[in-house]
Amino acid sequence: MAIPYSLLDLAPISEGFGVKDALNNSKLMAVEAERCGYERVWLAEHHGMRGVASSATSVVLTHIANATSTIKVGAGGIMLPNHAPLVIAEQFGTLAELFPNRIELGLGRAPGTDMATARALRRNLQSDVDSYPEDIQELQHYLGTPQDGQPIVAVPGANTHVPLWLLGSSLYSAQVAAKMGLPYSFASHFAPDALFDALHVYRNMFKPSSQLSASKAMAGVMVVIAETDEEAELLFTSVKQQFMNMRRGLNRPFAKPMPDFDEYCTATDEAMLANVLRYALVGSKETVQNKLAQFVETTGVDEIIVSMPIYDIEARLFSVNAFAEIAS
């Protein structure tokens, strides 16, 4: 059974290329995703990473929305603890006014960076009180209809009613999404451990809201499709290197595929990669189609969002197109 499918673009800065190249590639990806029938394209907030170009997420979304005409465009996500809710309401309210009925806002709770960079962002690092649910409610307040005498009004922002999603990889995020009656996207593309428990908690605790009458769960997976399984596995060595570099504290651009990867990878690395990338869909169209059907059946998700961690933009665009063919 076909379900809606979307694209999560991490705006990778590939080795040997720059930020401008990465942002142009993101535009090409969004245009292809729209042409192929993807439901939405999201970009994520990360900071200080030499392999990611989407730190100024709302600015990049303007670039993406302007290059497309119908596909939904949003953040997957904005790390709300980094920002005052009013600022996010103004940014996404502006986007909603420029691109009516197309803008979405996915929210996360992690800083999206290391702690030194988090401090440079001037976020509140006090850990004794978790204000995340209150920040979400404040953001909803600013994006909603102003009340008489309301002392602070988001301009732009008010009356835009930008749809919110909550993102996460834990039971906490699933509980918050359920209690607030918001759609929920689980980050199984990089943090798969709590996938089934989080979906269970979300569905069982869900309370209807003005935005959503029934639970709506989406899961993220990595997808690499090529002409053959062997070619796809070679392309997938780029993201494997990325995970290994992160575990070793190395901040590098998105790596080229590595033909002799097995010689570079230790047994410890192999175990880590097998765990964290367990739901990745890698191979030919036929191979990925079978893996996709199994993933959707076992999780029962309502939607799926895919990232394409591929070094070469032409190979990335091939994967975007091929996934649409098997998911439709």
C-alpha atoms as a PDB file:
ATOM      1  CA  MET A   1       0.000   0.000   0.000  1.00  0.00           C
ATOM      2  CA  ALA A   2       1.433   3.358  -1.052  1.00  0.00           C
ATOM      3  CA  ILE A   3       1.813   6.030   1.624  1.00  0.00           C
ATOM      4  CA  PRO A   4       2.895   9.673   1.287  1.00  0.00           C
ATOM      5  CA  TYR A   5       6.651  10.065   0.951  1.00  0.00           C
ATOM      6  CA  SER A   6       8.788  13.131   1.548  1.00  0.00           C
ATOM      7  CA  LEU A   7      12.395  14.289   1.275  1.00  0.00           C
ATOM      8  CA  LEU A   8      14.685  15.309   4.122  1.00  0.00           C
ATOM      9  CA  ASP A   9      17.588  17.228   2.603  1.00  0.00           C
ATOM     10  CA  LEU A  10      20.589  17.722   4.879  1.00  0.00           C
ATOM     11  CA  ALA A  11      22.236  20.153   2.399  1.00  0.00           C
ATOM     12  CA  PRO A  12      25.528  18.239   2.418  1.00  0.00           C
ATOM     13  CA  ILE A  13      28.710  20.172   1.668  1.00  0.00           C
ATOM     14  CA  SER A  14      30.556  17.547  -0.309  1.00  0.00           C
ATOM     15  CA  GLU A  15      34.327  17.184  -0.151  1.00  0.00           C
ATOM     16  CA  GLY A  16      35.896  19.463  -2.772  1.00  0.00           C
ATOM     17  CA  PHE A  17      32.821  21.727  -3.003  1.00  0.00           C
ATOM     18  CA  GLY A  18      31.479  24.726  -1.081  1.00  0.00           C
ATOM     19  CA  VAL A  19      28.341  26.053   0.575  1.00  0.00           C
ATOM     20  CA  LYS A  20      27.045  27.636  -2.632  1.00  0.00           C
ATOM     21  CA  ASP A  21      27.299  24.259  -4.389  1.00  0.00           C
ATOM     22  CA  ALA A  22      25.451  22.567  -1.530  1.00  0.00           C
ATOM     23  CA  LEU A  23      22.597  25.082  -1.604  1.00  0.00           C
ATOM     24  CA  ASN A  24      22.294  24.846  -5.377  1.00  0.00           C
ATOM     25  CA  ASN A  25      22.132  21.056  -5.035  1.00  0.00           C
ATOM     26  CA  SER A  26      19.358  21.450  -2.478  1.00  0.00           C
ATOM     27  CA  LYS A  27      17.416  23.497  -5.004  1.00  0.00           C
ATOM     28  CA  LEU A  28      17.888  20.793  -7.652  1.00  0.00           C
ATOM     29  CA  MET A  29      16.757  18.139  -5.175  1.00  0.00           C
ATOM     30  CA  ALA A  30      13.603  20.068  -4.280  1.00  0.00           C
ATOM     31  CA  VAL A  31      12.692  20.670  -7.917  1.00  0.00           C
ATOM     32  CA  GLU A  32      13.126  16.959  -8.679  1.00  0.00           C
ATOM     33  CA  ALA A  33      11.163  15.946  -5.572  1.00  0.00           C
ATOM     34  CA  GLU A  34       8.277  18.190  -6.612  1.00  0.00           C
ATOM     35  CA  ARG A  35       8.329  16.770 -10.152  1.00  0.00           C
ATOM     36  CA  CYS A  36       8.310  13.214  -8.782  1.00  0.00           C
ATOM     37  CA  GLY A  37       5.342  13.674  -6.443  1.00  0.00           C
ATOM     38  CA  TYR A  38       7.013  13.955  -3.033  1.00  0.00           C
ATOM     39  CA  GLU A  39       4.712  15.369  -0.355  1.00  0.00           C
ATOM     40  CA  ARG A  40       7.209  17.747   1.234  1.00  0.00           C
ATOM     41  CA  VAL A  41      10.859  18.699   1.404  1.00  0.00           C
ATOM     42  CA  TRP A  42      12.404  19.564   4.763  1.00  0.00           C
ATOM     43  CA  LEU A  43      15.771  20.965   5.780  1.00  0.00           C
ATOM     44  CA  ALA A  44      17.314  20.688   9.220  1.00  0.00           C
ATOM     45  CA  GLU A  45      19.049  23.110  11.557  1.00  0.00           C
ATOM     46  CA  HIS A  46      22.654  22.159  12.318  1.00  0.00           C
ATOM     47  CA  HIS A  47      25.461  24.456  13.396  1.00  0.00           C
ATOM     48  CA  GLY A  48      29.224  24.420  13.024  1.00  0.00           C
ATOM     49  CA  MET A  49      29.295  21.279  10.862  1.00  0.00           C
ATOM     50  CA  ARG A  50      31.618  21.428   7.867  1.00  0.00           C
ATOM     51  CA  GLY A  51      29.414  18.972   5.987  1.00  0.00           C
ATOM     52  CA  VAL A  52      26.034  20.735   6.432  1.00  0.00           C
ATOM     53  CA  ALA A  53      24.955  24.028   4.826  1.00  0.00           C
ATOM     54  CA  SER A  54      21.485  24.542   6.344  1.00  0.00           C
ATOM     55  CA  SER A  55      22.284  26.304   9.637  1.00  0.00           C
ATOM     56  CA  ALA A  56      20.237  29.393   8.653  1.00  0.00           C
ATOM     57  CA  THR A  57      17.289  27.116   7.991  1.00  0.00           C
ATOM     58  CA  SER A  58      14.536  29.637   7.374  1.00  0.00           C
ATOM     59  CA  VAL A  59      16.744  31.488   4.864  1.00  0.00           C
ATOM     60  CA  VAL A  60      17.457  28.259   2.982  1.00  0.00           C
ATOM     61  CA  LEU A  61      13.741  27.442   2.959  1.00  0.00           C
ATOM     62  CA  THR A  62      13.090  30.710   1.124  1.00  0.00           C
ATOM     63  CA  HIS A  63      15.612  29.574  -1.503  1.00  0.00           C
ATOM     64  CA  ILE A  64      13.835  26.203  -1.809  1.00  0.00           C
ATOM     65  CA  ALA A  65      10.270  27.505  -1.810  1.00  0.00           C
ATOM     66  CA  ASN A  66      11.118  30.122  -4.415  1.00  0.00           C
ATOM     67  CA  ALA A  67      12.487  27.428  -6.767  1.00  0.00           C
ATOM     68  CA  THR A  68       9.329  25.289  -6.469  1.00  0.00           C
ATOM     69  CA  SER A  69       5.614  25.964  -6.717  1.00  0.00           C
ATOM     70  CA  THR A  70       3.468  23.264  -5.092  1.00  0.00           C
ATOM     71  CA  ILE A  71       5.494  20.998  -2.797  1.00  0.00           C
ATOM     72  CA  LYS A  72       5.277  21.663   0.956  1.00  0.00           C
ATOM     73  CA  VAL A  73       8.470  23.175   2.371  1.00  0.00           C
ATOM     74  CA  GLY A  74       9.521  23.091   5.980  1.00  0.00           C
ATOM     75  CA  ALA A  75      12.030  22.538   8.730  1.00  0.00           C
ATOM     76  CA  GLY A  76      12.914  19.070   9.846  1.00  0.00           C
ATOM     77  CA  GLY A  77      13.611  20.648  12.155  1.00  0.00           C
ATOM     78  CA  ILE A  78      14.195  23.888  13.958  1.00  0.00           C
ATOM     79  CA  MET A  79      15.867  23.223  17.309  1.00  0.00           C
ATOM     80  CA  LEU A  80      13.507  25.287  19.439  1.00  0.00           C
ATOM     81  CA  PRO A  81      15.696  25.556  22.577  1.00  0.00           C
ATOM     82  CA  ASN A  82      18.170  27.543  20.451  1.00  0.00           C
ATOM     83  CA  HIS A  83      15.658  30.317  19.795  1.00  0.00           C
ATOM     84  CA  ALA A  84      13.058  32.598  21.304  1.00  0.00           C
ATOM     85  CA  PRO A  85       9.648  31.322  20.110  1.00  0.00           C
ATOM     86  CA  LEU A  86       8.758  34.839  18.917  1.00  0.00           C
ATOM     87  CA  VAL A  87      11.732  34.877  16.521  1.00  0.00           C
ATOM     88  CA  ILE A  88      10.711  31.525  15.011  1.00  0.00           C
ATOM     89  CA  ALA A  89       7.098  32.724  14.704  1.00  0.00           C
ATOM     90  CA  GLU A  90       8.271  35.804  12.807  1.00  0.00           C
ATOM     91  CA  GLN A  91      10.548  33.799  10.516  1.00  0.00           C
ATOM     92  CA  PHE A  92       8.024  31.125   9.626  1.00  0.00           C
ATOM     93  CA  GLY A  93       5.186  33.617   9.583  1.00  0.00           C
ATOM     94  CA  THR A  94       7.141  35.510   6.940  1.00  0.00           C
ATOM     95  CA  LEU A  95       7.610  32.295   4.949  1.00  0.00           C
ATOM     96  CA  ALA A  96       3.896  31.510   5.258  1.00  0.00           C
ATOM     97  CA  GLU A  97       2.965  34.936   3.913  1.00  0.00           C
ATOM     98  CA  LEU A  98       5.386  34.601   0.994  1.00  0.00           C
ATOM     99  CA  PHE A  99       4.386  31.017   0.168  1.00  0.00           C
ATOM    100  CA  PRO A 100       0.779  30.497   1.346  1.00  0.00           C
ATOM    101  CA  ASN A 101      -0.357  26.997   2.365  1.00  0.00           C
ATOM    102  CA  ARG A 102       3.065  25.484   1.708  1.00  0.00           C
ATOM    103  CA  ILE A 103       5.097  26.102   4.874  1.00  0.00           C
ATOM    104  CA  GLU A 104       5.493  23.600   7.735  1.00  0.00           C
ATOM    105  CA  LEU A 105       7.503  23.774  10.936  1.00  0.00           C
ATOM    106  CA  GLY A 106       9.061  20.685  12.480  1.00  0.00           C
ATOM    107  CA  LEU A 107      10.479  21.235  15.959  1.00  0.00           C
ATOM    108  CA  GLY A 108      13.279  19.461  17.771  1.00  0.00           C
ATOM    109  CA  ARG A 109      14.645  19.639  21.281  1.00  0.00           C
ATOM    110  CA  ALA A 110      18.372  18.926  20.776  1.00  0.00           C
ATOM    111  CA  PRO A 111      20.819  21.804  20.197  1.00  0.00           C
ATOM    112  CA  GLY A 112      21.871  20.470  16.778  1.00  0.00           C
ATOM    113  CA  THR A 113      25.522  21.144  17.537  1.00  0.00           C
ATOM    114  CA  ASP A 114      28.288  20.825  20.141  1.00  0.00           C
ATOM    115  CA  MET A 115      27.958  22.588  23.465  1.00  0.00           C
ATOM    116  CA  ALA A 116      30.537  25.294  22.685  1.00  0.00           C
ATOM    117  CA  THR A 117      28.589  26.292  19.584  1.00  0.00           C
ATOM    118  CA  ALA A 118      25.356  26.043  21.549  1.00  0.00           C
ATOM    119  CA  ARG A 119      26.718  28.637  23.971  1.00  0.00           C
ATOM    120  CA  ALA A 120      27.684  30.857  21.053  1.00  0.00           C
ATOM    121  CA  LEU A 121      24.056  30.656  19.932  1.00  0.00           C
ATOM    122  CA  ARG A 122      23.176  32.138  23.346  1.00  0.00           C
ATOM    123  CA  ARG A 123      20.542  29.543  24.075  1.00  0.00           C
ATOM    124  CA  ASN A 124      19.460  28.908  27.659  1.00  0.00           C
ATOM    125  CA  LEU A 125      21.686  26.110  28.920  1.00  0.00           C
ATOM    126  CA  GLN A 126      19.927  25.744  32.280  1.00  0.00           C
ATOM    127  CA  SER A 127      18.980  22.062  32.572  1.00  0.00           C
ATOM    128  CA  ASP A 128      16.954  22.150  35.783  1.00  0.00           C
ATOM    129  CA  VAL A 129      13.709  23.082  34.028  1.00  0.00           C
ATOM    130  CA  ASP A 130      12.689  21.757  30.632  1.00  0.00           C
ATOM    131  CA  SER A 131      10.622  24.512  29.016  1.00  0.00           C
ATOM    132  CA  TYR A 132      10.221  22.747  25.652  1.00  0.00           C
ATOM    133  CA  PRO A 133       6.429  22.121  25.918  1.00  0.00           C
ATOM    134  CA  GLU A 134       5.868  25.678  27.131  1.00  0.00           C
ATOM    135  CA  ASP A 135       7.988  27.021  24.260  1.00  0.00           C
ATOM    136  CA  ILE A 136       5.874  25.057  21.781  1.00  0.00           C
ATOM    137  CA  GLN A 137       2.677  26.480  23.268  1.00  0.00           C
ATOM    138  CA  GLU A 138       4.134  29.990  23.143  1.00  0.00           C
ATOM    139  CA  LEU A 139       5.014  29.470  19.475  1.00  0.00           C
ATOM    140  CA  GLN A 140       1.492  28.206  18.720  1.00  0.00           C
ATOM    141  CA  HIS A 141       0.146  31.294  20.477  1.00  0.00           C
ATOM    142  CA  TYR A 142       2.161  33.635  18.254  1.00  0.00           C
ATOM    143  CA  LEU A 143       1.170  31.791  15.063  1.00  0.00           C
ATOM    144  CA  GLY A 144      -2.516  31.740  15.989  1.00  0.00           C
ATOM    145  CA  THR A 145      -5.240  34.365  16.071  1.00  0.00           C
ATOM    146  CA  PRO A 146      -4.337  37.265  18.406  1.00  0.00           C
ATOM    147  CA  GLN A 147      -6.612  37.879  21.366  1.00  0.00           C
ATOM    148  CA  ASP A 148      -7.949  41.290  22.352  1.00  0.00           C
ATOM    149  CA  GLY A 149      -5.346  43.077  24.409  1.00  0.00           C
ATOM    150  CA  GLN A 150      -2.609  40.536  23.644  1.00  0.00           C
ATOM    151  CA  PRO A 151       0.600  42.337  24.672  1.00  0.00           C
ATOM    152  CA  ILE A 152       2.966  40.660  22.169  1.00  0.00           C
ATOM    153  CA  VAL A 153       1.930  39.925  18.595  1.00  0.00           C
ATOM    154  CA  ALA A 154       4.140  38.285  15.976  1.00  0.00           C
ATOM    155  CA  VAL A 155       4.187  40.423  12.831  1.00  0.00           C
ATOM    156  CA  PRO A 156       4.474  38.509  10.524  1.00  0.00           C
ATOM    157  CA  GLY A 157       3.289  35.310  12.184  1.00  0.00           C
ATOM    158  CA  ALA A 158      -0.114  36.010  13.660  1.00  0.00           C
ATOM    159  CA  ASN A 159      -3.018  34.310  11.873  1.00  0.00           C
ATOM    160  CA  THR A 160      -0.705  32.172   9.712  1.00  0.00           C
ATOM    161  CA  HIS A 161      -1.419  28.978  11.701  1.00  0.00           C
ATOM    162  CA  VAL A 162       1.731  27.328  10.352  1.00  0.00           C
ATOM    163  CA  PRO A 163       1.300  23.546  10.892  1.00  0.00           C
ATOM    164  CA  LEU A 164       3.658  22.145  13.518  1.00  0.00           C
ATOM    165  CA  TRP A 165       5.305  18.722  13.683  1.00  0.00           C
ATOM    166  CA  LEU A 166       7.325  17.407  16.596  1.00  0.00           C
ATOM    167  CA  LEU A 167      10.497  15.504  15.797  1.00  0.00           C
ATOM    168  CA  GLY A 168      12.427  13.182  18.031  1.00  0.00           C
ATOM    169  CA  SER A 169      14.202   9.942  18.768  1.00  0.00           C
ATOM    170  CA  SER A 170      12.971   9.311  22.307  1.00  0.00           C
ATOM    171  CA  LEU A 171       9.891   8.441  24.292  1.00  0.00           C
ATOM    172  CA  TYR A 172       9.840  11.975  25.703  1.00  0.00           C
ATOM    173  CA  SER A 173       9.265  13.565  22.313  1.00  0.00           C
ATOM    174  CA  ALA A 174       6.599  10.978  21.513  1.00  0.00           C
ATOM    175  CA  GLN A 175       4.753  11.809  24.744  1.00  0.00           C
ATOM    176  CA  VAL A 176       4.877  15.563  24.129  1.00  0.00           C
ATOM    177  CA  ALA A 177       3.588  15.150  20.567  1.00  0.00           C
ATOM    178  CA  ALA A 178       0.773  12.879  21.755  1.00  0.00           C
ATOM    179  CA  LYS A 179      -0.327  15.117  24.622  1.00  0.00           C
ATOM    180  CA  MET A 180      -0.323  18.201  22.381  1.00  0.00           C
ATOM    181  CA  GLY A 181      -2.132  16.454  19.527  1.00  0.00           C
ATOM    182  CA  LEU A 182       0.603  17.117  16.976  1.00  0.00           C
ATOM    183  CA  PRO A 183       1.974  14.977  14.147  1.00  0.00           C
ATOM    184  CA  TYR A 184       5.177  13.153  15.057  1.00  0.00           C
ATOM    185  CA  SER A 185       8.254  12.255  13.015  1.00  0.00           C
ATOM    186  CA  PHE A 186      10.742   9.764  14.438  1.00  0.00           C
ATOM    187  CA  ALA A 187      14.427  10.062  13.516  1.00  0.00           C
ATOM    188  CA  SER A 188      15.055   6.396  12.743  1.00  0.00           C
ATOM    189  CA  HIS A 189      17.499   7.437  10.003  1.00  0.00           C
ATOM    190  CA  PHE A 190      20.180   8.169  12.621  1.00  0.00           C
ATOM    191  CA  ALA A 191      18.800   7.121  16.045  1.00  0.00           C
ATOM    192  CA  PRO A 192      16.744   3.958  15.562  1.00  0.00           C
ATOM    193  CA  ASP A 193      16.799   2.362  19.021  1.00  0.00           C
ATOM    194  CA  ALA A 194      13.446   3.606  20.368  1.00  0.00           C
ATOM    195  CA  LEU A 195      11.504   3.524  17.087  1.00  0.00           C
ATOM    196  CA  PHE A 196       8.828   0.965  17.968  1.00  0.00           C
ATOM    197  CA  ASP A 197       8.462   2.044  21.597  1.00  0.00           C
ATOM    198  CA  ALA A 198       8.089   5.690  20.577  1.00  0.00           C
ATOM    199  CA  LEU A 199       5.448   4.900  17.953  1.00  0.00           C
ATOM    200  CA  HIS A 200       3.545   2.803  20.496  1.00  0.00           C
ATOM    201  CA  VAL A 201       3.658   5.569  23.122  1.00  0.00           C
ATOM    202  CA  TYR A 202       2.620   8.232  20.619  1.00  0.00           C
ATOM    203  CA  ARG A 203      -0.349   6.303  19.264  1.00  0.00           C
ATOM    204  CA  ASN A 204      -1.617   5.183  22.650  1.00  0.00           C
ATOM    205  CA  MET A 205      -1.289   8.556  24.365  1.00  0.00           C
ATOM    206  CA  PHE A 206      -2.535  10.709  21.480  1.00  0.00           C
ATOM    207  CA  LYS A 207      -5.147  13.357  22.281  1.00  0.00           C
ATOM    208  CA  PRO A 208      -6.933  15.162  19.425  1.00  0.00           C
ATOM    209  CA  SER A 209      -6.235  18.863  18.949  1.00  0.00           C
ATOM    210  CA  SER A 210      -7.396  21.710  16.756  1.00  0.00           C
ATOM    211  CA  GLN A 211      -4.625  20.806  14.307  1.00  0.00           C
ATOM    212  CA  LEU A 212      -5.020  17.017  14.255  1.00  0.00           C
ATOM    213  CA  SER A 213      -7.972  14.727  15.003  1.00  0.00           C
ATOM    214  CA  ALA A 214      -6.058  11.415  14.932  1.00  0.00           C
ATOM    215  CA  SER A 215      -2.437  10.389  15.379  1.00  0.00           C
ATOM    216  CA  LYS A 216      -0.118  10.899  12.409  1.00  0.00           C
ATOM    217  CA  ALA A 217       3.297   9.270  12.564  1.00  0.00           C
ATOM    218  CA  MET A 218       6.150   9.589  10.108  1.00  0.00           C
ATOM    219  CA  ALA A 219       9.549   7.870  10.209  1.00  0.00           C
ATOM    220  CA  GLY A 220      12.834   8.888   8.650  1.00  0.00           C
ATOM    221  CA  VAL A 221      15.056   6.481   6.729  1.00  0.00           C
ATOM    222  CA  MET A 222      18.162   6.846   4.617  1.00  0.00           C
ATOM    223  CA  VAL A 223      17.789   5.746   1.002  1.00  0.00           C
ATOM    224  CA  VAL A 224      20.517   5.101  -1.548  1.00  0.00           C
ATOM    225  CA  ILE A 225      19.362   3.647  -4.863  1.00  0.00           C
ATOM    226  CA  ALA A 226      21.641   2.879  -7.800  1.00  0.00           C
ATOM    227  CA  GLU A 227      21.561   0.605 -10.842  1.00  0.00           C
ATOM    228  CA  THR A 228      22.999  -2.293  -8.811  1.00  0.00           C
ATOM    229  CA  ASP A 229      23.259  -3.274  -5.156  1.00  0.00           C
ATOM    230  CA  GLU A 230      27.041  -3.057  -5.386  1.00  0.00           C
ATOM    231  CA  GLU A 231      27.007   0.488  -6.742  1.00  0.00           C
ATOM    232  CA  ALA A 232      24.553   1.590  -4.058  1.00  0.00           C
ATOM    233  CA  GLU A 233      26.700   0.076  -1.310  1.00  0.00           C
ATOM    234  CA  LEU A 234      29.718   1.978  -2.651  1.00  0.00           C
ATOM    235  CA  LEU A 235      27.770   5.250  -2.609  1.00  0.00           C
ATOM    236  CA  PHE A 236      26.656   4.475   0.949  1.00  0.00           C
ATOM    237  CA  THR A 237      30.269   4.466   2.171  1.00  0.00           C
ATOM    238  CA  SER A 238      30.103   8.283   2.188  1.00  0.00           C
ATOM    239  CA  VAL A 239      27.601   8.430   5.034  1.00  0.00           C
ATOM    240  CA  LYS A 240      29.357   5.565   6.815  1.00  0.00           C
ATOM    241  CA  GLN A 241      32.513   7.679   6.842  1.00  0.00           C
ATOM    242  CA  GLN A 242      30.471  10.590   8.178  1.00  0.00           C
ATOM    243  CA  PHE A 243      29.230   8.566  11.149  1.00  0.00           C
ATOM    244  CA  MET A 244      32.716   7.258  11.876  1.00  0.00           C
ATOM    245  CA  ASN A 245      34.144  10.781  11.731  1.00  0.00           C
ATOM    246  CA  MET A 246      31.483  12.055  14.136  1.00  0.00           C
ATOM    247  CA  ARG A 247      32.224   9.253  16.609  1.00  0.00           C
ATOM    248  CA  ARG A 248      35.908  10.189  16.437  1.00  0.00           C
ATOM    249  CA  GLY A 249      35.259  13.894  16.934  1.00  0.00           C
ATOM    250  CA  LEU A 250      36.296  14.771  13.380  1.00  0.00           C
ATOM    251  CA  ASN A 251      34.416  17.645  11.719  1.00  0.00           C
ATOM    252  CA  ARG A 252      34.792  17.128   7.961  1.00  0.00           C
ATOM    253  CA  PRO A 253      32.894  17.744   4.718  1.00  0.00           C
ATOM    254  CA  PHE A 254      30.726  14.966   3.290  1.00  0.00           C
ATOM    255  CA  ALA A 255      33.189  12.372   2.004  1.00  0.00           C
ATOM    256  CA  LYS A 256      33.635  10.823  -1.413  1.00  0.00           C
ATOM    257  CA  PRO A 257      32.703   7.131  -1.712  1.00  0.00           C
ATOM    258  CA  MET A 258      35.542   4.875  -0.601  1.00  0.00           C
ATOM    259  CA  PRO A 259      36.107   1.688  -2.670  1.00  0.00           C
ATOM    260  CA  ASP A 260      38.384   0.138  -0.018  1.00  0.00           C
ATOM    261  CA  PHE A 261      36.095   1.059   2.873  1.00  0.00           C
ATOM    262  CA  ASP A 262      36.212  -2.419   4.426  1.00  0.00           C
ATOM    263  CA  GLU A 263      39.957  -2.019   4.988  1.00  0.00           C
ATOM    264  CA  TYR A 264      39.405   1.321   6.726  1.00  0.00           C
ATOM    265  CA  CYS A 265      36.555   0.108   8.933  1.00  0.00           C
ATOM    266  CA  THR A 266      37.315  -1.667  12.226  1.00  0.00           C
ATOM    267  CA  ALA A 267      35.148  -4.335  13.857  1.00  0.00           C
ATOM    268  CA  THR A 268      33.963  -1.721  16.370  1.00  0.00           C
ATOM    269  CA  ASP A 269      33.051   0.621  13.526  1.00  0.00           C
ATOM    270  CA  GLU A 270      31.145  -2.170  11.778  1.00  0.00           C
ATOM    271  CA  ALA A 271      29.080  -2.890  14.891  1.00  0.00           C
ATOM    272  CA  MET A 272      28.265   0.799  15.382  1.00  0.00           C
ATOM    273  CA  LEU A 273      27.260   1.265  11.752  1.00  0.00           C
ATOM    274  CA  ALA A 274      25.167  -1.900  11.676  1.00  0.00           C
ATOM    275  CA  ASN A 275      23.217  -0.623  14.671  1.00  0.00           C
ATOM    276  CA  VAL A 276      22.703   3.034  13.794  1.00  0.00           C
ATOM    277  CA  LEU A 277      22.018   2.397  10.076  1.00  0.00           C
ATOM    278  CA  ARG A 278      19.861  -0.681  10.526  1.00  0.00           C
ATOM    279  CA  TYR A 279      16.863   0.804   8.715  1.00  0.00           C
ATOM    280  CA  ALA A 280      18.775   2.285   5.773  1.00  0.00           C
ATOM    281  CA  LEU A 281      17.345   1.233   2.401  1.00  0.00           C
ATOM    282  CA  VAL A 282      20.337   0.657   0.140  1.00  0.00           C
ATOM    283  CA  GLY A 283      20.493  -1.172  -3.185  1.00  0.00           C
ATOM    284  CA  SER A 284      18.877  -1.427  -6.585  1.00  0.00           C
ATOM    285  CA  LYS A 285      15.273  -0.371  -7.103  1.00  0.00           C
ATOM    286  CA  GLU A 286      14.073  -3.931  -6.566  1.00  0.00           C
ATOM    287  CA  THR A 287      16.104  -4.377  -3.393  1.00  0.00           C
ATOM    288  CA  VAL A 288      14.945  -1.063  -1.904  1.00  0.00           C
ATOM    289  CA  GLN A 289      11.330  -1.713  -2.866  1.00  0.00           C
ATOM    290  CA  ASN A 290      11.352  -4.931  -0.854  1.00  0.00           C
ATOM    291  CA  LYS A 291      13.043  -3.280   2.122  1.00  0.00           C
ATOM    292  CA  LEU A 292      10.606  -0.359   2.003  1.00  0.00           C
ATOM    293  CA  ALA A 293       7.563  -2.629   2.002  1.00  0.00           C
ATOM    294  CA  GLN A 294       8.905  -4.496   5.024  1.00  0.00           C
ATOM    295  CA  PHE A 295       9.670  -1.281   6.922  1.00  0.00           C
ATOM    296  CA  VAL A 296       6.215   0.198   6.303  1.00  0.00           C
ATOM    297  CA  GLU A 297       4.486  -3.058   7.246  1.00  0.00           C
ATOM    298  CA  THR A 298       6.397  -3.552  10.499  1.00  0.00           C
ATOM    299  CA  THR A 299       6.145   0.074  11.681  1.00  0.00           C
ATOM    300  CA  GLY A 300       2.668   0.914  10.386  1.00  0.00           C
ATOM    301  CA  VAL A 301       3.786   4.511   9.816  1.00  0.00           C
ATOM    302  CA  ASP A 302       1.400   6.871   8.051  1.00  0.00           C
ATOM    303  CA  GLU A 303       4.151   8.576   6.071  1.00  0.00           C
ATOM    304  CA  ILE A 304       7.846   8.156   5.347  1.00  0.00           C
ATOM    305  CA  ILE A 305      10.552  10.777   4.917  1.00  0.00           C
ATOM    306  CA  VAL A 306      13.822   9.869   3.247  1.00  0.00           C
ATOM    307  CA  SER A 307      17.287  11.376   3.226  1.00  0.00           C
ATOM    308  CA  MET A 308      19.640  10.674   0.335  1.00  0.00           C
ATOM    309  CA  PRO A 309      23.222  10.736   1.745  1.00  0.00           C
ATOM    310  CA  ILE A 310      24.988  10.565  -1.617  1.00  0.00           C
ATOM    311  CA  TYR A 311      28.143  12.487  -2.574  1.00  0.00           C
ATOM    312  CA  ASP A 312      27.479  13.110  -6.275  1.00  0.00           C
ATOM    313  CA  ILE A 313      24.457  15.255  -7.109  1.00  0.00           C
ATOM    314  CA  GLU A 314      23.588  13.328 -10.266  1.00  0.00           C
ATOM    315  CA  ALA A 315      23.557  10.067  -8.313  1.00  0.00           C
ATOM    316  CA  ARG A 316      21.468  11.792  -5.644  1.00  0.00           C
ATOM    317  CA  LEU A 317      18.913  12.956  -8.190  1.00  0.00           C
ATOM    318  CA  PHE A 318      18.777   9.441  -9.667  1.00  0.00           C
ATOM    319  CA  SER A 319      17.958   8.111  -6.207  1.00  0.00           C
ATOM    320  CA  VAL A 320      15.214  10.736  -5.685  1.00  0.00           C
ATOM    321  CA  ASN A 321      13.603   9.720  -8.954  1.00  0.00           C
ATOM    322  CA  ALA A 322      13.999   5.978  -8.428  1.00  0.00           C
ATOM    323  CA  PHE A 323      12.491   6.080  -4.935  1.00  0.00           C
ATOM    324  CA  ALA A 324       9.437   7.907  -6.241  1.00  0.00           C
ATOM    325  CA  GLU A 325       8.947   5.175  -8.847  1.00  0.00           C
ATOM    326  CA  ILE A 326       8.925   2.381  -6.262  1.00  0.00           C
ATOM    327  CA  ALA A 327       7.012   4.302  -3.555  1.00  0.00           C
ATOM    328  CA  SER A 328       4.142   5.528  -5.726  1.00  0.00           C
END
